[in-house]
Protein backbone atom coordinates (compact mmCIF):
# COMPACT_ATOMS: atom_id res chain seq x y z
CA MET A 1 5.18 -16.10 -8.95
CA ARG A 2 5.07 -19.84 -8.57
CA THR A 3 1.34 -19.08 -8.79
CA VAL A 4 1.55 -18.65 -5.02
CA LEU A 5 -0.61 -15.54 -4.93
CA LEU A 6 -3.29 -17.23 -6.97
CA LEU A 7 -2.96 -20.18 -4.64
CA LEU A 8 -3.61 -17.84 -1.74
CA LEU A 9 -6.66 -16.49 -3.52
CA ALA A 10 -8.15 -19.97 -3.57
CA ALA A 11 -6.92 -21.07 -0.16
CA ILE A 12 -7.00 -18.18 2.33
CA THR A 13 -10.16 -18.00 4.39
CA LEU A 14 -9.30 -14.58 5.78
CA THR A 15 -11.70 -11.73 5.10
CA SER A 16 -9.05 -9.37 3.75
CA CYS A 17 -5.29 -9.04 3.90
CA GLN A 18 -2.53 -6.87 2.45
CA ILE A 19 0.78 -8.64 1.88
CA GLU A 20 3.88 -6.48 1.58
CA GLU A 21 7.32 -7.44 0.33
CA LYS A 22 10.04 -4.84 0.94
CA ILE A 23 13.73 -4.78 0.08
CA THR A 24 16.04 -2.07 1.45
CA PHE A 25 19.51 -1.85 -0.11
CA ASN A 26 22.76 -0.39 1.19
CA GLN A 27 25.49 0.85 -1.16
CA ASN A 28 27.58 -2.32 -0.68
CA GLY A 29 24.70 -4.55 -1.82
CA SER A 30 23.69 -5.68 1.65
CA GLY A 31 20.28 -4.86 3.05
CA VAL A 32 17.06 -6.09 4.62
CA TYR A 33 14.34 -8.24 3.08
CA GLU A 34 10.92 -7.89 4.75
CA MET A 35 7.56 -9.56 4.44
CA GLY A 36 4.57 -8.11 6.23
CA PHE A 37 0.89 -8.94 6.71
CA ASP A 38 -1.62 -6.19 7.46
CA MET A 39 -4.73 -7.87 8.85
CA SER A 40 -6.56 -4.81 10.15
CA GLU A 41 -9.65 -5.61 8.09
CA ILE A 42 -9.84 -9.00 9.78
CA MET A 43 -9.65 -7.29 13.15
CA LYS A 44 -12.59 -5.05 12.23
CA MET A 45 -14.71 -8.04 11.27
CA GLY A 46 -13.89 -9.84 14.50
CA ALA A 47 -14.17 -6.87 16.85
CA SER A 48 -15.58 -7.88 20.22
CA GLU A 49 -18.79 -6.27 21.43
CA ASN A 50 -18.06 -7.30 25.01
CA ASP A 51 -17.14 -4.04 26.75
CA SER A 52 -16.14 -5.94 29.91
CA VAL A 53 -13.08 -7.34 28.15
CA PRO A 54 -10.29 -4.75 27.84
CA PRO A 55 -8.99 -4.38 24.29
CA LYS A 56 -5.69 -6.12 23.64
CA VAL A 57 -2.64 -4.01 22.87
CA LEU A 58 0.51 -5.82 21.84
CA ASP A 59 3.84 -4.59 20.48
CA THR A 60 6.46 -7.30 20.47
CA VAL A 61 9.76 -7.88 18.70
CA MET A 62 11.61 -11.19 18.52
CA ASN A 63 15.26 -10.56 17.61
CA PHE A 64 16.98 -13.88 16.96
CA ALA A 65 20.49 -12.36 17.00
CA SER A 66 19.93 -11.11 20.56
CA PHE A 67 18.49 -14.49 21.58
CA LEU A 68 21.51 -16.37 20.20
CA ASP A 69 23.89 -14.02 22.01
CA GLU A 70 22.01 -14.43 25.30
CA LYS A 71 22.04 -18.23 25.01
CA ARG A 72 25.60 -18.43 23.67
CA ASP A 73 27.02 -20.51 26.53
CA SER A 74 24.22 -23.08 26.31
CA ILE A 75 24.43 -23.22 22.52
CA LEU A 76 28.17 -23.97 22.67
CA THR A 77 27.39 -27.24 24.47
CA LEU A 78 25.37 -28.50 21.50
CA PRO A 79 26.78 -30.56 18.60
CA ILE A 80 28.42 -28.44 15.89
CA ALA A 81 25.66 -29.29 13.41
CA GLU A 82 23.02 -27.96 15.81
CA GLN A 83 25.05 -24.81 16.47
CA GLU A 84 25.34 -24.13 12.74
CA LYS A 85 21.62 -24.69 12.28
CA LEU A 86 20.73 -22.22 15.03
CA GLU A 87 23.18 -19.66 13.67
CA LYS A 88 21.14 -19.49 10.45
CA LEU A 89 18.44 -17.74 12.50
CA ARG A 90 20.70 -14.77 13.31
CA PRO A 91 19.58 -12.48 10.44
CA LEU A 92 15.87 -12.92 11.27
CA GLN A 93 13.59 -10.63 13.25
CA PHE A 94 9.85 -11.00 13.87
CA SER A 95 7.56 -8.22 15.04
CA MET A 96 3.86 -8.08 15.77
CA LYS A 97 1.61 -5.15 16.62
CA VAL A 98 -1.99 -5.53 17.75
CA ASN A 99 -4.41 -2.82 18.89
CA GLU A 100 -7.94 -4.17 19.22
CA GLU A 101 -9.39 -0.77 20.08
CA GLU A 102 -8.11 0.65 16.78
CA SER A 103 -8.70 -2.64 14.90
CA LYS A 104 -5.03 -2.84 13.91
CA MET A 105 -2.99 -5.98 13.42
CA ASP A 106 0.35 -6.21 11.64
CA MET A 107 2.94 -9.00 11.50
CA ARG A 108 6.35 -8.51 9.89
CA LEU A 109 9.45 -10.59 9.24
CA ALA A 110 12.79 -8.87 8.55
CA TYR A 111 15.81 -10.76 7.22
CA SER A 112 19.23 -9.09 6.91
CA PHE A 113 21.34 -10.13 3.93
CA LYS A 114 24.95 -9.53 2.86
CA GLU A 115 24.02 -9.88 -0.81
CA ILE A 116 20.63 -10.25 -2.47
CA GLY A 117 21.23 -13.93 -3.23
CA ASP A 118 21.09 -14.68 0.51
CA VAL A 119 17.33 -14.08 0.41
CA SER A 120 16.94 -17.57 -1.09
CA ASN A 121 17.46 -18.84 2.48
CA PHE A 122 14.54 -16.82 3.85
CA ALA A 123 11.86 -19.53 3.63
CA GLU A 124 14.09 -22.15 5.26
CA VAL A 125 15.00 -19.81 8.12
CA VAL A 126 11.37 -18.82 8.75
CA GLU A 127 10.40 -22.49 8.92
CA MET A 128 13.25 -23.21 11.35
CA ALA A 129 12.18 -20.31 13.57
CA ASN A 130 8.84 -22.04 14.24
CA ILE A 131 7.06 -18.81 15.16
CA LYS A 132 3.72 -19.52 16.83
CA GLU A 133 1.94 -16.49 15.37
CA LEU A 134 2.87 -17.52 11.82
CA ASP A 135 1.60 -21.02 12.47
CA GLU A 136 -1.72 -19.53 13.56
CA LEU A 137 -1.85 -17.47 10.38
CA GLY A 138 -1.01 -20.57 8.36
CA SER A 139 -3.85 -22.46 10.03
CA LYS A 140 -6.24 -20.09 8.25
CA VAL A 141 -4.95 -21.45 4.95
CA SER A 142 -6.51 -24.70 3.78
CA PRO A 143 -4.09 -27.56 4.52
CA THR A 144 -5.22 -29.28 1.34
CA GLU A 145 -3.99 -26.45 -0.86
CA THR A 146 -0.38 -27.30 -1.75
CA GLU A 147 1.94 -26.88 -4.68
CA PRO A 148 5.03 -28.86 -5.70
CA SER A 149 8.41 -27.57 -4.60
CA GLU A 150 11.51 -27.95 -6.75
CA ASP A 151 12.40 -31.24 -5.05
CA GLY A 152 8.98 -32.66 -5.88
CA GLU A 153 7.54 -32.38 -2.38
CA LYS A 154 4.37 -30.45 -1.62
CA LYS A 155 4.54 -27.16 0.23
CA ASP A 156 1.64 -25.32 1.80
CA SER A 157 0.58 -21.84 0.77
CA MET A 158 2.47 -20.04 3.54
CA SER A 159 5.74 -21.88 2.80
CA ALA A 160 5.28 -21.10 -0.87
CA LEU A 161 4.67 -17.45 -0.05
CA PHE A 162 7.90 -17.21 1.94
CA SER A 163 9.69 -18.73 -1.07
CA MET A 164 8.25 -16.11 -3.38
CA SER A 165 11.56 -14.30 -3.89
CA GLU A 166 12.78 -17.40 -5.74
CA SER A 167 10.26 -16.59 -8.48
CA PHE A 168 12.18 -13.43 -9.39
CA ILE A 169 15.63 -12.66 -10.76
CA THR A 170 16.87 -9.65 -8.79
CA THR A 171 19.97 -7.56 -9.48
CA PHE A 172 21.35 -4.42 -7.84
CA SER A 173 24.33 -2.18 -8.62
CA LYS A 174 25.17 1.51 -8.32
CA LYS A 175 23.81 1.96 -11.86
CA LYS A 176 20.51 0.10 -11.74
CA PHE A 177 18.12 -2.31 -10.04
CA THR A 178 16.15 -4.98 -11.90
CA ARG A 179 13.55 -7.52 -10.86
CA LYS A 180 11.89 -9.88 -13.32
CA ILE A 181 9.79 -12.98 -12.96
CA THR A 182 11.70 -16.16 -13.83
CA LYS A 183 10.89 -18.06 -17.02
CA LYS A 184 9.67 -21.04 -14.98
CA ALA A 185 7.39 -18.95 -12.77
CA LEU A 186 6.02 -17.11 -15.79
CA GLU A 187 5.20 -20.35 -17.59
CA GLU A 188 3.47 -21.75 -14.49
CA SER A 189 1.46 -18.56 -14.00
CA LEU A 190 0.30 -18.52 -17.61
CA ALA A 191 -0.58 -22.22 -17.51
CA LYS A 192 -2.71 -21.76 -14.38
CA LYS A 193 -4.22 -18.40 -15.28
CA ASP A 194 -7.85 -18.05 -14.19
CA THR A 195 -9.62 -16.88 -17.35
CA THR A 196 -12.93 -16.47 -15.49
CA MET A 197 -11.65 -13.68 -13.22
CA LYS A 198 -12.96 -10.21 -14.09
CA SER A 199 -11.63 -6.77 -13.19
CA ASP A 200 -14.87 -5.86 -11.38
CA ASP A 201 -14.88 -9.04 -9.28
CA PRO A 202 -15.25 -7.79 -5.66
CA PHE A 203 -13.19 -10.74 -4.48
CA SER A 204 -10.11 -9.54 -6.37
CA ASP A 205 -9.49 -6.75 -3.83
CA MET A 206 -9.71 -9.01 -0.79
CA ILE A 207 -6.01 -9.73 -1.05
CA ARG A 208 -3.64 -6.99 -2.22
CA PHE A 209 0.07 -7.37 -2.74
CA LYS A 210 2.64 -4.57 -2.56
CA GLN A 211 6.34 -4.57 -3.39
CA ILE A 212 8.55 -1.75 -2.05
CA TYR A 213 12.20 -1.12 -2.94
CA ILE A 214 14.38 1.37 -1.05
CA PHE A 215 17.71 2.45 -2.55
CA PRO A 216 20.78 4.43 -1.43
CA TYR A 217 20.75 6.28 -4.77
CA LYS A 218 18.37 8.74 -6.40
CA ILE A 219 16.19 7.37 -9.18
CA LYS A 220 16.63 8.54 -12.75
CA SER A 221 13.96 6.40 -14.44
CA VAL A 222 11.60 3.49 -13.84
CA SER A 223 10.48 1.11 -16.59
CA ASN A 224 7.23 -0.09 -14.99
CA ALA A 225 4.21 2.18 -15.52
CA ASN A 226 2.56 0.60 -12.46
CA ALA A 227 5.37 1.82 -10.19
CA LYS A 228 5.07 4.83 -7.91
CA ILE A 229 8.28 6.73 -7.16
CA LEU A 230 8.59 7.72 -3.48
CA SER A 231 8.80 11.43 -2.62
CA ASN A 232 12.55 11.35 -1.87
CA PHE A 233 13.26 9.70 -5.25
CA LYS A 234 15.05 6.85 -3.47
CA GLY A 235 12.35 4.20 -3.61
CA VAL A 236 9.51 2.74 -5.62
CA GLU A 237 6.40 0.78 -4.77
CA ILE A 238 4.17 -1.37 -6.95
CA GLU A 239 0.77 -2.58 -5.76
CA ALA A 240 -1.71 -4.96 -7.36
CA ASN A 241 -4.89 -6.85 -6.56
CA MET A 242 -5.58 -10.45 -7.47
CA PHE A 243 -7.09 -9.67 -10.86
CA GLU A 244 -4.09 -7.58 -11.93
CA MET A 245 -1.64 -10.30 -10.90
CA ASN A 246 -3.69 -13.03 -12.54
CA ASN A 247 -4.17 -11.03 -15.74
CA ASP A 248 -0.48 -10.08 -16.07
CA PRO A 249 2.18 -12.27 -14.38
CA THR A 250 4.84 -9.69 -15.37
CA PHE A 251 2.97 -6.91 -13.50
CA PHE A 252 5.88 -6.45 -11.05
CA ASP A 253 8.75 -6.63 -13.55
CA VAL A 254 10.80 -3.47 -13.18
CA GLU A 255 14.10 -1.81 -14.08
CA VAL A 256 15.21 1.23 -12.11
CA GLN A 257 18.05 3.41 -13.41
CA PHE A 258 19.94 5.53 -10.86
CA GLU A 259 21.38 9.01 -11.30
CA LYS A 260 25.16 9.26 -11.60
CA GLU A 261 26.87 10.06 -8.34
């Protein structure tokens, strides 16, 4: 996966984190791509013992489509190039929930797409959005840990993570859904595999990664033995820790066949 998750293993100084990638499909091939970060374990470790400070509760949503509509008149005064750049933010939404009393913290990005190929723009749009909370999360990743992008430049771990969808070939139709790691990403993962990592390494569970796929059709079969079919038979989820991803770069490869309508 561009070895990005192994990069995070080496770079993230967080105590524990669950990263979730979710794709929800509509019948016409459009849908929503989401990436979420559950940092509740970090909240538990940093819980304040000062009873005089009221616990923080936060539930905020940043909808860029609404923002662009509200600022439409001002945006129209900008050069066309700037207007087009801002318009790229329209499909993006950012939400954050914090409850210090319950030691809960969750950040989530949602990106609407007309076809699955549009998700390749996700990383660029997130960077353009310049969301303060994501910058703070990124500051917990070592700035010296970078990997080359396709144009030869270095990208930090967070930027690489948001580009993770580019490490998979994803298809969707009314007959089936497939997702497989690209040849390039597979070769990179195998070349950088950590052969010292063991299944009983307590560090391997500090970062867990989950992929969830939601479909408009009922599932007939799933090729991946690691996949769990959701109770309504219209979704699957696959979860792995760092050892499982390091040991098998194809861990998330999956083909889902749908029932005939």
